[in-house]
């Protein structure tokens, strides 16, 4: 309890609600700022590379989709229309997916810049929120990929068993 206000949130040593035993909760220290200052260019670089890669994958997806459609129209056996279009659309979807984590990283770098330009707690909260969103998305994508790998493995096992049984029976 605070001295005059019986309804105030309790505080720990250091005066902040939730402060640790050293009273350091809520302080942004010089080493923290140095770490963020040195991290920011790398975060920005990775985000920009992500945007560039997303654009390249999108362009490739559009090209493969159009080539698949043209192959189907021209009767090209090498790139049948349906497969080419499906692969191209898959590239377009992947390109769009690449944009999202790059956007989170770009926002994180921008929020670090605001913090370094004199922002305090709110700027740090914003930066950490963007970082949290990035890692949550990466974690979800990793789980999806692991699930897809498991499905592919099961499908390959089933196909192998079916082929083996067909060879034994025929």
Protein backbone atom coordinates (compact mmCIF):
# COMPACT_ATOMS: atom_id res chain seq x y z
CA UNK A 1 0.00 0.00 0.00
CA UNK A 2 1.12 3.52 -0.71
CA UNK A 3 1.19 5.93 2.24
CA UNK A 4 -1.81 8.20 1.55
CA UNK A 5 -3.86 6.13 -0.87
CA UNK A 6 -5.26 2.93 0.66
CA UNK A 7 -6.56 1.86 -2.81
CA UNK A 8 -3.28 2.22 -4.72
CA UNK A 9 -1.58 -0.84 -6.17
CA UNK A 10 1.06 -2.28 -3.87
CA UNK A 11 4.64 -1.51 -4.80
CA UNK A 12 7.91 -3.26 -4.19
CA UNK A 13 11.23 -1.66 -3.36
CA UNK A 14 12.03 0.76 -6.16
CA UNK A 15 8.59 2.33 -6.20
CA UNK A 16 7.19 0.54 -9.28
CA UNK A 17 4.34 -1.92 -9.18
CA UNK A 18 5.97 -5.21 -10.11
CA UNK A 19 9.53 -3.97 -9.62
CA UNK A 20 12.10 -6.63 -8.92
CA UNK A 21 14.01 -6.85 -5.66
CA UNK A 22 16.67 -4.49 -7.07
CA UNK A 23 14.11 -1.85 -8.07
CA UNK A 24 15.20 -1.98 -11.73
CA UNK A 25 11.79 -2.56 -13.31
CA UNK A 26 10.88 0.29 -15.61
CA UNK A 27 14.38 1.60 -16.18
CA UNK A 28 15.89 1.57 -19.65
CA UNK A 29 19.62 1.26 -19.13
CA UNK A 30 22.46 2.36 -21.41
CA UNK A 31 23.48 -1.25 -22.19
CA UNK A 32 19.88 -1.98 -23.26
CA UNK A 33 19.94 0.98 -25.63
CA UNK A 34 23.36 -0.05 -26.96
CA UNK A 35 22.10 -3.56 -27.68
CA UNK A 36 19.05 -2.21 -29.48
CA UNK A 37 21.14 0.37 -31.38
CA UNK A 38 23.49 -2.38 -32.59
CA UNK A 39 20.62 -4.75 -33.40
CA UNK A 40 18.56 -2.24 -35.38
CA UNK A 41 20.63 -2.18 -38.62
CA UNK A 42 20.59 -5.98 -38.80
CA UNK A 43 16.86 -6.15 -38.18
CA UNK A 44 16.30 -3.56 -40.90
CA UNK A 45 18.62 -5.43 -43.30
CA UNK A 46 16.82 -8.73 -42.76
CA UNK A 47 13.44 -7.04 -43.23
CA UNK A 48 14.53 -5.38 -46.49
CA UNK A 49 16.02 -8.64 -47.80
CA UNK A 50 12.72 -10.29 -46.88
CA UNK A 51 10.76 -7.69 -48.88
CA UNK A 52 13.09 -8.14 -51.88
CA UNK A 53 12.80 -11.93 -51.70
CA UNK A 54 9.02 -11.67 -51.40
CA UNK A 55 8.91 -9.48 -54.51
CA UNK A 56 11.12 -11.91 -56.45
CA UNK A 57 8.99 -14.89 -55.40
CA UNK A 58 5.80 -12.99 -56.36
CA UNK A 59 7.22 -12.10 -59.79
CA UNK A 60 8.35 -15.70 -60.29
CA UNK A 61 4.91 -16.90 -59.24
CA UNK A 62 3.18 -14.66 -61.75
CA UNK A 63 5.63 -15.76 -64.47
CA UNK A 64 5.18 -19.48 -63.70
CA UNK A 65 1.39 -19.07 -63.55
CA UNK A 66 1.35 -17.35 -66.94
CA UNK A 67 3.81 -19.87 -68.40
CA UNK A 68 1.68 -22.72 -67.07
CA UNK A 69 -1.40 -21.21 -68.62
CA UNK A 70 0.38 -20.67 -71.94
CA UNK A 71 1.83 -24.20 -71.81
CA UNK A 72 -1.63 -25.60 -71.37
CA UNK A 73 -2.95 -23.53 -74.27
CA UNK A 74 -0.07 -24.49 -76.55
CA UNK A 75 -0.24 -28.17 -75.60
CA UNK A 76 3.29 -28.18 -74.15
CA UNK A 77 3.76 -31.51 -72.41
CA UNK A 78 6.66 -30.17 -70.31
CA UNK A 79 4.48 -27.73 -68.37
CA UNK A 80 0.90 -28.88 -68.37
CA UNK A 81 -1.52 -26.04 -67.75
CA UNK A 82 -2.97 -27.18 -64.43
CA UNK A 83 0.35 -28.06 -62.80
CA UNK A 84 2.07 -24.87 -63.98
CA UNK A 85 -0.76 -22.69 -62.76
CA UNK A 86 -0.88 -24.50 -59.40
CA UNK A 87 2.89 -24.15 -58.90
CA UNK A 88 2.74 -20.48 -59.89
CA UNK A 89 -0.10 -19.77 -57.48
CA UNK A 90 1.84 -21.57 -54.75
CA UNK A 91 4.75 -19.18 -55.38
CA UNK A 92 2.38 -16.21 -55.20
CA UNK A 93 1.05 -17.42 -51.84
CA UNK A 94 4.60 -17.96 -50.54
CA UNK A 95 5.58 -14.47 -51.72
CA UNK A 96 2.68 -12.96 -49.80
CA UNK A 97 3.64 -15.01 -46.73
CA UNK A 98 7.22 -13.65 -46.92
CA UNK A 99 5.91 -10.09 -46.66
CA UNK A 100 4.33 -10.53 -43.22
CA UNK A 101 7.43 -11.41 -41.13
CA UNK A 102 9.42 -8.79 -43.04
CA UNK A 103 6.80 -6.20 -42.14
CA UNK A 104 7.00 -7.15 -38.44
CA UNK A 105 10.80 -6.82 -38.53
CA UNK A 106 10.60 -3.47 -40.33
CA UNK A 107 8.15 -2.16 -37.72
CA UNK A 108 10.42 -3.47 -34.96
CA UNK A 109 13.41 -1.61 -36.42
CA UNK A 110 11.33 1.57 -36.78
CA UNK A 111 10.16 1.33 -33.16
CA UNK A 112 13.78 0.86 -32.00
CA UNK A 113 14.57 4.07 -33.90
CA UNK A 114 11.82 5.92 -32.05
CA UNK A 115 13.16 4.60 -28.74
CA UNK A 116 16.68 5.74 -29.61
CA UNK A 117 15.38 9.15 -30.66
CA UNK A 118 14.26 9.79 -27.10
CA UNK A 119 11.18 7.65 -26.69
CA UNK A 120 10.99 5.83 -23.41
CA UNK A 121 8.68 3.16 -22.05
CA UNK A 122 5.96 3.34 -24.72
CA UNK A 123 8.52 3.15 -27.55
CA UNK A 124 10.18 0.15 -25.90
CA UNK A 125 6.78 -1.51 -25.41
CA UNK A 126 5.99 -0.93 -29.09
CA UNK A 127 9.33 -2.38 -30.20
CA UNK A 128 8.92 -5.44 -28.00
CA UNK A 129 5.34 -5.89 -29.23
CA UNK A 130 6.55 -6.02 -32.84
CA UNK A 131 9.32 -8.42 -31.87
CA UNK A 132 6.81 -10.64 -30.05
CA UNK A 133 4.50 -10.64 -33.09
CA UNK A 134 7.40 -11.61 -35.36
CA UNK A 135 8.48 -14.55 -33.21
CA UNK A 136 4.90 -15.71 -32.67
CA UNK A 137 4.40 -15.77 -36.45
CA UNK A 138 7.70 -17.57 -37.01
CA UNK A 139 6.74 -20.14 -34.38
CA UNK A 140 3.35 -20.72 -36.01
CA UNK A 141 4.98 -21.08 -39.44
CA UNK A 142 7.51 -23.57 -38.04
CA UNK A 143 4.66 -25.65 -36.57
CA UNK A 144 2.81 -25.54 -39.90
CA UNK A 145 5.92 -26.67 -41.79
CA UNK A 146 6.53 -29.50 -39.32
CA UNK A 147 2.89 -30.55 -39.78
CA UNK A 148 3.25 -30.45 -43.57
CA UNK A 149 6.44 -32.51 -43.36
CA UNK A 150 4.62 -35.07 -41.21
CA UNK A 151 1.74 -35.25 -43.72
CA UNK A 152 4.17 -35.63 -46.62
CA UNK A 153 6.03 -38.37 -44.76
CA UNK A 154 2.80 -40.24 -44.04
CA UNK A 155 1.72 -39.82 -47.67
CA UNK A 156 5.05 -41.13 -48.93
CA UNK A 157 4.87 -44.10 -46.57
CA UNK A 158 1.36 -44.92 -47.72
CA UNK A 159 2.36 -44.58 -51.38
CA UNK A 160 5.42 -46.77 -50.81
CA UNK A 161 3.39 -49.42 -49.05
CA UNK A 162 0.72 -49.32 -51.75
CA UNK A 163 3.38 -49.64 -54.45
CA UNK A 164 5.04 -52.50 -52.62
CA UNK A 165 1.74 -54.31 -52.15
CA UNK A 166 0.86 -53.79 -55.81
CA UNK A 167 4.24 -55.21 -56.86
CA UNK A 168 3.73 -58.24 -54.62
CA UNK A 169 0.21 -58.84 -55.84
CA UNK A 170 0.83 -58.26 -59.54
